[in-house]
Structure formats: structure tokens, C-alpha cells
N, C-alpha and C. Protein backbone atom coordinates (compact mmCIF):
# COMPACT_ATOMS: atom_id res chain seq x y z
N LEU A 1 15.66 -46.97 43.06
CA LEU A 1 17.01 -47.18 42.54
C LEU A 1 17.96 -47.29 43.73
N ARG A 2 18.59 -48.46 43.85
CA ARG A 2 19.49 -48.69 44.98
C ARG A 2 20.92 -48.79 44.50
N SER A 3 21.48 -47.70 44.13
CA SER A 3 22.85 -47.73 43.63
C SER A 3 23.61 -46.55 44.17
N SER A 4 24.85 -46.79 44.46
CA SER A 4 25.71 -45.70 44.90
C SER A 4 26.40 -45.04 43.70
N GLY A 5 26.09 -45.54 42.51
CA GLY A 5 26.66 -44.96 41.30
C GLY A 5 28.09 -45.41 41.09
N TRP A 6 28.75 -44.75 40.17
CA TRP A 6 30.12 -45.12 39.81
C TRP A 6 31.15 -44.34 40.61
N GLY A 7 30.71 -43.42 41.43
CA GLY A 7 31.66 -42.57 42.14
C GLY A 7 32.06 -41.42 41.23
N GLY A 8 32.83 -40.52 41.76
CA GLY A 8 33.24 -39.38 40.96
C GLY A 8 32.15 -38.32 40.91
N ARG A 9 32.53 -37.13 40.46
CA ARG A 9 31.59 -36.02 40.41
C ARG A 9 31.19 -35.75 38.97
N TRP A 10 29.89 -35.64 38.71
CA TRP A 10 29.38 -35.33 37.38
C TRP A 10 29.36 -33.82 37.22
N ARG A 11 29.86 -33.33 36.07
CA ARG A 11 29.84 -31.90 35.79
C ARG A 11 29.27 -31.68 34.41
N GLU A 12 28.28 -30.80 34.32
CA GLU A 12 27.59 -30.55 33.06
C GLU A 12 28.52 -30.05 31.97
N GLU A 13 29.45 -29.16 32.30
CA GLU A 13 30.35 -28.63 31.27
C GLU A 13 31.23 -29.72 30.66
N ILE A 14 31.59 -30.71 31.42
CA ILE A 14 32.36 -31.84 30.88
C ILE A 14 31.45 -32.74 30.05
N ALA A 15 30.24 -32.98 30.54
CA ALA A 15 29.29 -33.83 29.82
C ALA A 15 28.91 -33.25 28.46
N GLU A 16 28.98 -31.94 28.30
CA GLU A 16 28.61 -31.30 27.03
C GLU A 16 29.75 -31.28 26.01
N GLU A 17 30.95 -31.67 26.40
CA GLU A 17 32.08 -31.68 25.46
C GLU A 17 31.90 -32.78 24.42
N LEU A 18 32.44 -32.54 23.23
CA LEU A 18 32.37 -33.53 22.16
C LEU A 18 33.38 -34.64 22.43
N LEU A 19 32.98 -35.85 22.08
CA LEU A 19 33.83 -37.01 22.32
C LEU A 19 33.50 -38.07 21.29
N LEU A 20 34.52 -38.68 20.70
CA LEU A 20 34.28 -39.79 19.79
C LEU A 20 33.75 -40.95 20.62
N ARG A 21 32.72 -41.63 20.13
CA ARG A 21 32.11 -42.69 20.94
C ARG A 21 33.03 -43.91 21.02
N THR A 22 33.04 -44.52 22.20
CA THR A 22 33.87 -45.70 22.44
C THR A 22 33.07 -46.99 22.33
N HIS A 23 31.78 -46.87 22.14
CA HIS A 23 30.89 -48.03 22.00
C HIS A 23 29.61 -47.55 21.35
N THR A 24 28.75 -48.49 20.97
CA THR A 24 27.50 -48.12 20.29
C THR A 24 26.30 -48.11 21.24
N THR A 25 26.56 -48.15 22.53
CA THR A 25 25.47 -48.17 23.51
C THR A 25 24.56 -46.95 23.38
N ALA A 26 25.11 -45.82 22.99
CA ALA A 26 24.27 -44.62 22.81
C ALA A 26 23.17 -44.86 21.79
N VAL A 27 23.45 -45.66 20.77
CA VAL A 27 22.46 -45.95 19.73
C VAL A 27 21.35 -46.83 20.29
N THR A 28 21.71 -47.90 20.98
CA THR A 28 20.69 -48.81 21.50
C THR A 28 19.89 -48.16 22.63
N LEU A 29 20.53 -47.32 23.43
CA LEU A 29 19.79 -46.62 24.49
C LEU A 29 18.80 -45.62 23.91
N ARG A 30 19.16 -44.97 22.84
CA ARG A 30 18.23 -44.03 22.19
C ARG A 30 16.98 -44.79 21.72
N TYR A 31 17.20 -45.99 21.16
CA TYR A 31 16.07 -46.81 20.73
C TYR A 31 15.21 -47.21 21.94
N LEU A 32 15.87 -47.66 23.01
CA LEU A 32 15.12 -48.05 24.21
C LEU A 32 14.31 -46.89 24.79
N ALA A 33 14.84 -45.68 24.69
CA ALA A 33 14.13 -44.52 25.25
C ALA A 33 12.76 -44.33 24.61
N SER A 34 12.59 -44.79 23.37
CA SER A 34 11.29 -44.66 22.71
C SER A 34 10.54 -45.99 22.59
N HIS A 35 11.10 -47.06 23.14
CA HIS A 35 10.47 -48.38 23.14
C HIS A 35 10.65 -48.98 24.53
N LYS A 36 9.84 -48.51 25.48
CA LYS A 36 10.05 -48.84 26.89
C LYS A 36 9.46 -50.17 27.34
N GLU A 37 8.65 -50.78 26.50
CA GLU A 37 8.00 -52.04 26.89
C GLU A 37 8.49 -53.20 26.04
N PRO A 38 8.61 -54.37 26.67
CA PRO A 38 9.04 -55.55 25.90
C PRO A 38 7.94 -56.03 24.98
N PRO A 39 8.29 -56.81 23.99
CA PRO A 39 9.64 -57.29 23.68
C PRO A 39 10.40 -56.29 22.81
N VAL A 40 11.70 -56.20 23.04
CA VAL A 40 12.59 -55.38 22.22
C VAL A 40 13.81 -56.23 21.86
N ARG A 41 14.12 -56.26 20.59
CA ARG A 41 15.32 -56.95 20.09
C ARG A 41 15.93 -56.05 19.02
N VAL A 42 17.11 -55.53 19.30
CA VAL A 42 17.72 -54.53 18.43
C VAL A 42 19.19 -54.87 18.19
N PHE A 43 19.64 -54.67 16.96
CA PHE A 43 21.05 -54.78 16.61
C PHE A 43 21.47 -53.49 15.93
N CYS A 44 22.69 -53.08 16.15
CA CYS A 44 23.22 -51.93 15.41
C CYS A 44 24.70 -52.17 15.13
N ILE A 45 25.18 -51.52 14.10
CA ILE A 45 26.59 -51.57 13.75
C ILE A 45 27.06 -50.13 13.62
N GLY A 46 28.19 -49.82 14.24
CA GLY A 46 28.69 -48.46 14.16
C GLY A 46 30.19 -48.39 14.40
N ARG A 47 30.78 -47.31 13.92
CA ARG A 47 32.21 -47.07 14.10
C ARG A 47 32.44 -46.56 15.53
N VAL A 48 33.47 -47.10 16.18
CA VAL A 48 33.83 -46.69 17.53
C VAL A 48 35.33 -46.42 17.60
N TYR A 49 35.74 -45.71 18.65
CA TYR A 49 37.12 -45.26 18.77
C TYR A 49 37.61 -45.54 20.18
N ARG A 50 38.81 -46.10 20.28
CA ARG A 50 39.38 -46.44 21.58
C ARG A 50 40.83 -46.00 21.64
N ARG A 51 41.31 -45.80 22.84
CA ARG A 51 42.73 -45.52 23.04
C ARG A 51 43.43 -46.87 23.19
N GLU A 52 43.80 -47.44 22.07
CA GLU A 52 44.40 -48.78 22.03
C GLU A 52 45.81 -48.72 21.47
N THR A 53 46.64 -49.61 21.93
CA THR A 53 47.94 -49.81 21.31
C THR A 53 47.72 -50.73 20.12
N VAL A 54 48.13 -50.29 18.95
CA VAL A 54 47.90 -51.08 17.74
C VAL A 54 48.78 -52.33 17.79
N ASP A 55 48.14 -53.47 17.59
CA ASP A 55 48.85 -54.75 17.52
C ASP A 55 48.03 -55.67 16.62
N PRO A 56 48.42 -56.94 16.47
CA PRO A 56 47.71 -57.81 15.53
C PRO A 56 46.22 -58.01 15.80
N THR A 57 45.75 -57.72 17.02
CA THR A 57 44.32 -57.91 17.31
C THR A 57 43.61 -56.65 17.79
N HIS A 58 44.30 -55.50 17.81
CA HIS A 58 43.69 -54.26 18.30
C HIS A 58 43.94 -53.10 17.34
N LEU A 59 42.90 -52.29 17.15
CA LEU A 59 42.99 -51.06 16.38
C LEU A 59 42.31 -49.95 17.18
N PRO A 60 42.71 -48.69 17.00
CA PRO A 60 42.07 -47.61 17.73
C PRO A 60 40.71 -47.20 17.15
N GLU A 61 40.40 -47.68 15.96
CA GLU A 61 39.13 -47.36 15.29
C GLU A 61 38.62 -48.66 14.66
N PHE A 62 37.37 -49.01 14.97
CA PHE A 62 36.82 -50.25 14.41
C PHE A 62 35.31 -50.19 14.40
N ASP A 63 34.70 -51.18 13.73
CA ASP A 63 33.25 -51.27 13.66
C ASP A 63 32.77 -52.26 14.70
N GLN A 64 31.76 -51.84 15.45
CA GLN A 64 31.22 -52.67 16.53
C GLN A 64 29.79 -53.07 16.21
N LEU A 65 29.47 -54.32 16.49
CA LEU A 65 28.10 -54.80 16.43
C LEU A 65 27.60 -54.87 17.86
N GLU A 66 26.43 -54.32 18.11
CA GLU A 66 25.85 -54.38 19.45
C GLU A 66 24.43 -54.92 19.33
N GLY A 67 24.04 -55.70 20.30
CA GLY A 67 22.70 -56.24 20.35
C GLY A 67 22.12 -56.09 21.74
N ILE A 68 20.81 -55.90 21.79
CA ILE A 68 20.11 -55.87 23.08
C ILE A 68 18.82 -56.67 22.96
N VAL A 69 18.41 -57.23 24.09
CA VAL A 69 17.13 -57.92 24.19
C VAL A 69 16.49 -57.48 25.50
N MET A 70 15.26 -56.97 25.42
CA MET A 70 14.48 -56.68 26.61
C MET A 70 13.21 -57.52 26.49
N ASP A 71 12.93 -58.30 27.52
CA ASP A 71 11.74 -59.13 27.50
C ASP A 71 11.36 -59.47 28.93
N GLU A 72 10.17 -60.04 29.08
CA GLU A 72 9.72 -60.47 30.40
C GLU A 72 10.62 -61.59 30.91
N ASN A 73 11.05 -61.50 32.12
CA ASN A 73 11.77 -62.57 32.81
C ASN A 73 13.05 -63.04 32.14
N VAL A 74 13.75 -62.19 31.38
CA VAL A 74 15.04 -62.62 30.84
C VAL A 74 16.08 -62.57 31.96
N SER A 75 17.09 -63.41 31.82
CA SER A 75 18.10 -63.53 32.87
C SER A 75 19.50 -63.57 32.26
N PHE A 76 20.47 -63.57 33.14
CA PHE A 76 21.86 -63.68 32.72
C PHE A 76 22.09 -65.01 32.00
N ARG A 77 21.41 -66.03 32.45
CA ARG A 77 21.52 -67.34 31.80
C ARG A 77 21.03 -67.27 30.34
N HIS A 78 19.95 -66.51 30.09
CA HIS A 78 19.48 -66.32 28.72
C HIS A 78 20.56 -65.63 27.88
N LEU A 79 21.21 -64.62 28.46
CA LEU A 79 22.26 -63.91 27.74
C LEU A 79 23.39 -64.85 27.34
N LEU A 80 23.83 -65.69 28.27
CA LEU A 80 24.91 -66.63 27.95
C LEU A 80 24.48 -67.60 26.86
N GLY A 81 23.23 -68.03 26.88
CA GLY A 81 22.72 -68.92 25.84
C GLY A 81 22.69 -68.25 24.47
N ILE A 82 22.26 -66.99 24.43
CA ILE A 82 22.23 -66.23 23.17
C ILE A 82 23.64 -66.12 22.60
N LEU A 83 24.59 -65.77 23.46
CA LEU A 83 25.97 -65.60 23.01
C LEU A 83 26.58 -66.91 22.53
N GLN A 84 26.34 -67.97 23.28
CA GLN A 84 26.89 -69.26 22.88
C GLN A 84 26.33 -69.69 21.52
N THR A 85 25.03 -69.52 21.34
CA THR A 85 24.40 -69.86 20.05
C THR A 85 24.96 -69.00 18.92
N PHE A 86 25.08 -67.69 19.16
CA PHE A 86 25.59 -66.77 18.14
C PHE A 86 26.98 -67.18 17.68
N TYR A 87 27.90 -67.37 18.63
CA TYR A 87 29.29 -67.67 18.26
C TYR A 87 29.42 -69.06 17.64
N ARG A 88 28.64 -70.00 18.10
CA ARG A 88 28.68 -71.34 17.48
C ARG A 88 28.20 -71.27 16.03
N LYS A 89 27.14 -70.49 15.79
CA LYS A 89 26.65 -70.35 14.41
C LYS A 89 27.65 -69.60 13.54
N MET A 90 28.52 -68.81 14.15
CA MET A 90 29.57 -68.12 13.40
C MET A 90 30.77 -69.04 13.16
N GLY A 91 30.68 -70.29 13.63
CA GLY A 91 31.74 -71.25 13.35
C GLY A 91 32.75 -71.45 14.46
N PHE A 92 32.41 -71.04 15.68
CA PHE A 92 33.31 -71.22 16.82
C PHE A 92 32.65 -72.16 17.83
N PRO A 93 32.95 -73.47 17.74
CA PRO A 93 32.27 -74.43 18.62
C PRO A 93 32.66 -74.30 20.09
N GLN A 94 33.86 -73.80 20.38
CA GLN A 94 34.30 -73.65 21.76
C GLN A 94 34.18 -72.19 22.18
N VAL A 95 33.28 -71.93 23.11
CA VAL A 95 33.01 -70.58 23.60
C VAL A 95 33.14 -70.62 25.12
N ARG A 96 33.80 -69.62 25.69
CA ARG A 96 33.85 -69.55 27.15
C ARG A 96 33.62 -68.10 27.59
N PHE A 97 33.24 -67.97 28.85
CA PHE A 97 32.93 -66.67 29.42
C PHE A 97 33.82 -66.43 30.63
N ARG A 98 34.39 -65.23 30.70
CA ARG A 98 35.19 -64.83 31.86
C ARG A 98 34.51 -63.62 32.49
N PRO A 99 34.54 -63.54 33.82
CA PRO A 99 33.97 -62.34 34.45
C PRO A 99 34.66 -61.10 33.89
N GLY A 100 33.88 -60.06 33.66
CA GLY A 100 34.43 -58.83 33.11
C GLY A 100 33.83 -57.62 33.79
N TYR A 101 34.35 -56.46 33.45
CA TYR A 101 33.79 -55.21 33.96
C TYR A 101 33.52 -54.29 32.78
N PHE A 102 32.30 -53.83 32.70
CA PHE A 102 31.90 -52.80 31.74
C PHE A 102 31.02 -51.83 32.51
N PRO A 103 31.21 -50.52 32.35
CA PRO A 103 30.52 -49.56 33.20
C PRO A 103 29.00 -49.55 33.08
N TYR A 104 28.44 -50.05 31.98
CA TYR A 104 27.00 -49.99 31.80
C TYR A 104 26.27 -51.27 32.15
N THR A 105 27.01 -52.35 32.41
CA THR A 105 26.37 -53.64 32.66
C THR A 105 26.89 -54.29 33.94
N GLU A 106 25.99 -55.07 34.56
CA GLU A 106 26.36 -55.86 35.74
C GLU A 106 25.28 -56.90 35.97
N PRO A 107 25.64 -58.18 36.05
CA PRO A 107 26.98 -58.74 35.88
C PRO A 107 27.44 -58.60 34.43
N SER A 108 28.75 -58.75 34.25
CA SER A 108 29.35 -58.62 32.92
C SER A 108 30.30 -59.78 32.65
N VAL A 109 30.44 -60.12 31.37
CA VAL A 109 31.39 -61.16 30.96
C VAL A 109 32.13 -60.73 29.71
N GLU A 110 33.33 -61.29 29.55
CA GLU A 110 34.05 -61.21 28.30
C GLU A 110 33.86 -62.55 27.61
N VAL A 111 33.60 -62.51 26.31
CA VAL A 111 33.36 -63.73 25.54
C VAL A 111 34.63 -64.07 24.77
N GLU A 112 35.08 -65.31 24.94
CA GLU A 112 36.26 -65.79 24.22
C GLU A 112 35.90 -67.02 23.41
N VAL A 113 36.58 -67.17 22.27
CA VAL A 113 36.41 -68.36 21.44
C VAL A 113 37.79 -68.99 21.22
N MET A 114 37.79 -70.29 21.00
CA MET A 114 39.04 -71.01 20.74
C MET A 114 39.31 -71.02 19.25
N THR A 115 40.54 -70.65 18.89
CA THR A 115 40.96 -70.69 17.49
C THR A 115 42.26 -71.48 17.39
N GLU A 116 42.48 -72.08 16.24
CA GLU A 116 43.73 -72.82 16.02
C GLU A 116 44.93 -71.89 16.03
N LYS A 117 44.79 -70.75 15.40
CA LYS A 117 45.92 -69.84 15.20
C LYS A 117 46.26 -69.02 16.44
N HIS A 118 45.25 -68.55 17.17
CA HIS A 118 45.47 -67.62 18.28
C HIS A 118 45.17 -68.21 19.65
N GLY A 119 44.68 -69.44 19.72
CA GLY A 119 44.23 -69.99 21.01
C GLY A 119 42.93 -69.30 21.41
N TRP A 120 42.74 -69.07 22.71
CA TRP A 120 41.56 -68.35 23.18
C TRP A 120 41.73 -66.88 22.86
N ILE A 121 40.73 -66.29 22.23
CA ILE A 121 40.79 -64.87 21.89
C ILE A 121 39.45 -64.22 22.23
N GLU A 122 39.54 -63.04 22.83
CA GLU A 122 38.32 -62.31 23.20
C GLU A 122 37.67 -61.75 21.94
N LEU A 123 36.35 -61.98 21.83
CA LEU A 123 35.61 -61.43 20.70
C LEU A 123 34.55 -60.43 21.12
N GLY A 124 34.25 -60.33 22.40
CA GLY A 124 33.22 -59.38 22.78
C GLY A 124 33.00 -59.31 24.27
N GLY A 125 32.10 -58.42 24.63
CA GLY A 125 31.70 -58.24 26.02
C GLY A 125 30.19 -58.20 26.11
N ALA A 126 29.68 -58.51 27.30
CA ALA A 126 28.23 -58.59 27.46
C ALA A 126 27.85 -58.43 28.92
N GLY A 127 26.57 -58.16 29.14
CA GLY A 127 26.05 -58.07 30.49
C GLY A 127 24.60 -57.63 30.48
N ILE A 128 24.09 -57.35 31.68
CA ILE A 128 22.74 -56.83 31.84
C ILE A 128 22.87 -55.35 32.19
N PHE A 129 22.17 -54.49 31.44
CA PHE A 129 22.25 -53.06 31.71
C PHE A 129 21.95 -52.78 33.18
N ARG A 130 22.77 -51.94 33.78
CA ARG A 130 22.58 -51.54 35.17
C ARG A 130 21.33 -50.66 35.29
N GLU A 131 20.77 -50.63 36.49
CA GLU A 131 19.59 -49.77 36.74
C GLU A 131 19.90 -48.30 36.50
N GLU A 132 21.15 -47.89 36.75
CA GLU A 132 21.51 -46.48 36.50
C GLU A 132 21.35 -46.12 35.04
N VAL A 133 21.38 -47.12 34.17
CA VAL A 133 21.24 -46.90 32.73
C VAL A 133 19.76 -46.93 32.34
N THR A 134 19.02 -47.91 32.81
CA THR A 134 17.64 -48.11 32.36
C THR A 134 16.61 -47.28 33.14
N HIS A 135 16.83 -47.10 34.42
CA HIS A 135 15.84 -46.38 35.25
C HIS A 135 15.57 -44.96 34.76
N PRO A 136 16.59 -44.15 34.43
CA PRO A 136 16.30 -42.79 33.94
C PRO A 136 15.50 -42.77 32.64
N LEU A 137 15.51 -43.87 31.89
CA LEU A 137 14.74 -43.96 30.65
C LEU A 137 13.32 -44.44 30.88
N GLY A 138 12.99 -44.76 32.14
CA GLY A 138 11.66 -45.27 32.45
C GLY A 138 11.50 -46.75 32.14
N ILE A 139 12.59 -47.48 32.10
CA ILE A 139 12.55 -48.91 31.78
C ILE A 139 12.69 -49.71 33.07
N SER A 140 11.75 -50.62 33.29
CA SER A 140 11.77 -51.42 34.51
C SER A 140 12.11 -52.89 34.27
N HIS A 141 12.28 -53.28 33.02
CA HIS A 141 12.62 -54.67 32.69
C HIS A 141 14.13 -54.82 32.50
N ARG A 142 14.61 -56.05 32.66
CA ARG A 142 16.02 -56.32 32.39
C ARG A 142 16.30 -56.19 30.89
N VAL A 143 17.49 -55.67 30.61
CA VAL A 143 17.93 -55.53 29.22
C VAL A 143 19.28 -56.24 29.09
N LEU A 144 19.31 -57.27 28.26
CA LEU A 144 20.54 -58.00 27.97
C LEU A 144 21.28 -57.24 26.88
N ALA A 145 22.59 -57.10 27.00
CA ALA A 145 23.35 -56.32 26.02
C ALA A 145 24.69 -57.00 25.73
N TRP A 146 25.12 -56.92 24.47
CA TRP A 146 26.43 -57.45 24.10
C TRP A 146 26.97 -56.68 22.91
N GLY A 147 28.28 -56.72 22.77
CA GLY A 147 28.94 -56.07 21.65
C GLY A 147 30.18 -56.83 21.24
N LEU A 148 30.55 -56.68 19.98
CA LEU A 148 31.76 -57.33 19.49
C LEU A 148 32.34 -56.53 18.33
N GLY A 149 33.65 -56.66 18.17
CA GLY A 149 34.34 -56.00 17.07
C GLY A 149 34.23 -56.84 15.80
N ILE A 150 33.65 -56.26 14.76
CA ILE A 150 33.44 -56.99 13.51
C ILE A 150 34.78 -57.31 12.83
N GLY A 151 35.75 -56.41 12.93
CA GLY A 151 37.04 -56.64 12.30
C GLY A 151 37.76 -57.85 12.87
N ARG A 152 37.72 -58.00 14.19
CA ARG A 152 38.38 -59.15 14.80
C ARG A 152 37.69 -60.44 14.38
N LEU A 153 36.37 -60.41 14.31
CA LEU A 153 35.62 -61.57 13.84
C LEU A 153 36.00 -61.90 12.39
N ALA A 154 36.08 -60.88 11.54
CA ALA A 154 36.46 -61.09 10.14
C ALA A 154 37.88 -61.64 10.04
N MET A 155 38.78 -61.11 10.87
CA MET A 155 40.16 -61.59 10.87
C MET A 155 40.21 -63.10 11.13
N LEU A 156 39.44 -63.55 12.11
CA LEU A 156 39.44 -64.98 12.44
C LEU A 156 38.77 -65.81 11.35
N LYS A 157 37.64 -65.33 10.84
CA LYS A 157 36.92 -66.08 9.80
C LYS A 157 37.73 -66.18 8.51
N LEU A 158 38.51 -65.15 8.21
CA LEU A 158 39.33 -65.15 7.00
C LEU A 158 40.71 -65.75 7.23
N LYS A 159 40.94 -66.21 8.47
CA LYS A 159 42.22 -66.85 8.84
C LYS A 159 43.43 -65.94 8.61
N LEU A 160 43.28 -64.67 8.98
CA LEU A 160 44.37 -63.72 8.87
C LEU A 160 45.20 -63.73 10.15
N HIS A 161 46.45 -63.34 10.05
CA HIS A 161 47.35 -63.29 11.21
C HIS A 161 47.24 -61.96 11.94
N ASP A 162 46.79 -60.92 11.23
CA ASP A 162 46.85 -59.57 11.76
C ASP A 162 45.63 -58.79 11.28
N ILE A 163 44.92 -58.17 12.21
CA ILE A 163 43.70 -57.43 11.87
C ILE A 163 43.98 -56.29 10.89
N ARG A 164 45.19 -55.77 10.91
CA ARG A 164 45.55 -54.66 10.01
C ARG A 164 45.50 -55.08 8.54
N GLN A 165 45.59 -56.39 8.28
CA GLN A 165 45.50 -56.87 6.90
C GLN A 165 44.15 -56.52 6.26
N LEU A 166 43.12 -56.37 7.07
CA LEU A 166 41.79 -56.03 6.55
C LEU A 166 41.74 -54.63 5.94
N TYR A 167 42.66 -53.77 6.35
CA TYR A 167 42.60 -52.36 5.96
C TYR A 167 43.77 -51.93 5.09
N GLN A 168 44.55 -52.86 4.60
CA GLN A 168 45.69 -52.49 3.77
C GLN A 168 45.22 -51.98 2.41
N PRO A 169 45.93 -51.01 1.84
CA PRO A 169 45.52 -50.43 0.55
C PRO A 169 46.07 -51.23 -0.64
N ASP A 170 45.87 -52.52 -0.61
CA ASP A 170 46.40 -53.40 -1.66
C ASP A 170 45.22 -53.97 -2.44
N ILE A 171 44.93 -53.37 -3.59
CA ILE A 171 43.76 -53.77 -4.38
C ILE A 171 43.88 -55.21 -4.87
N ASP A 172 45.10 -55.67 -5.13
CA ASP A 172 45.29 -57.05 -5.57
C ASP A 172 44.89 -58.02 -4.45
N TRP A 173 45.26 -57.69 -3.21
CA TRP A 173 44.86 -58.54 -2.08
C TRP A 173 43.34 -58.59 -1.97
N LEU A 174 42.71 -57.43 -2.14
CA LEU A 174 41.25 -57.38 -2.06
C LEU A 174 40.59 -58.24 -3.14
N ARG A 175 41.15 -58.21 -4.33
CA ARG A 175 40.59 -59.01 -5.43
C ARG A 175 40.69 -60.50 -5.15
N HIS A 176 41.71 -60.90 -4.42
CA HIS A 176 41.94 -62.32 -4.16
C HIS A 176 41.68 -62.71 -2.71
N ALA A 177 41.13 -61.80 -1.93
CA ALA A 177 40.88 -62.09 -0.51
C ALA A 177 39.91 -63.26 -0.39
N PRO A 178 40.18 -64.13 0.56
CA PRO A 178 39.28 -65.27 0.74
C PRO A 178 37.92 -64.80 1.25
N SER A 179 36.92 -65.55 0.93
CA SER A 179 35.59 -65.27 1.48
C SER A 179 35.25 -66.41 2.41
N SER A 180 34.43 -66.10 3.39
CA SER A 180 34.10 -67.11 4.40
C SER A 180 32.61 -67.02 4.69
N PRO A 181 31.83 -67.98 4.23
CA PRO A 181 30.39 -67.94 4.51
C PRO A 181 30.12 -68.19 5.98
N ILE A 182 28.99 -67.70 6.44
CA ILE A 182 28.56 -67.99 7.81
C ILE A 182 28.17 -69.45 7.85
N THR A 183 28.68 -70.14 8.86
CA THR A 183 28.39 -71.56 8.99
C THR A 183 27.42 -71.78 10.14
N GLY A 184 26.92 -72.95 10.27
CA GLY A 184 26.04 -73.28 11.38
C GLY A 184 24.70 -73.74 10.90
N ASP A 185 23.79 -73.88 11.85
CA ASP A 185 22.44 -74.39 11.55
C ASP A 185 21.63 -73.40 10.76
């Protein structure tokens, strides 16, 4: 393992404190811990919590979809292809990637899609799990990982102006809410 780590000092008493999860990586890593050899392809959906300023595209509590792929000879290029295919099949023909930072992956990208209403909007993040993540689990293969907020995706697919509309307590709106089938091949 050739890493200087993230810096900072690790303390057991802090690590043992309870904390609302900010991502679903704990779920996929638990699965990897018991499935150390490829091929592995896993998806999970879970509630996550962030310190966010509430606005039309951000909430402090949301549902996240996370996916991982571990296989022989997978690369960052494979990850970009998976993401491009996924978002295109969800009905977003224009997909772009911007360099990003996520503590568990390197290299990392933010995934953006073009929409008529919002222009380019970020829908997720992705990268290859760092050795500091996989090595302690006894995993020697590359693991591709990505996550996205389901609410933001639903907001775009339903052509809403504000993500908060998904959670309003208006039963009449729910009865008449538009539905949007998954499009693509």
C-alpha cells in the first residue's frame, strides 16, 4: 500500500461515535468484505444525510443509489462508459464528466446531464475505490463506484422546478403527479 492517507489523526473514541451516514458506501463495502473475488456487481439504495442548504436541487436528507463493479482489468474508461450508458438510458442524451473529489475514490468525476429547464446539472459522483478502502478488506482488484440522488433524478424526469415538490404533503398533487417511464434501448 503506497499511500500517505488523507492526513489528520485517527482516534478510536471519535470513530465509535454515532453518525448519520452521508453516503451508502458502507453498504457496498460490507458486501465487498464478504465477496473478495470478481466478478462483483452490486447496487443499493439507501437514505443519506448531508449538511446542505435547502434549495431547488438540494435537500439535507435524500435517497441515494450506489453501484459498484469489481472485475478483472476494469478501468476508469469502463466506469465512464457505464455511466454514459446508464444516463442515456434514463433519457439524458448529453452527459459530461468533470474532475471531482470524493474521499473514497481516485480518480473521481462528477456526472452532469444537460436539461432544458436547468441546463447542465450534476446528478452523481463516481470513481475507482482507493487502495486505502479496498486493501484492508483484502481486495486486490479495482472497484468502480458511483452514486446518485434518486430525488434529483425524479425531479428532472417529472419535469419539476423544485426537488421539494416531491415531498409536499398534497395528496391531490400525488394523485395527479405525472409519471415518467424509463426510456432508452
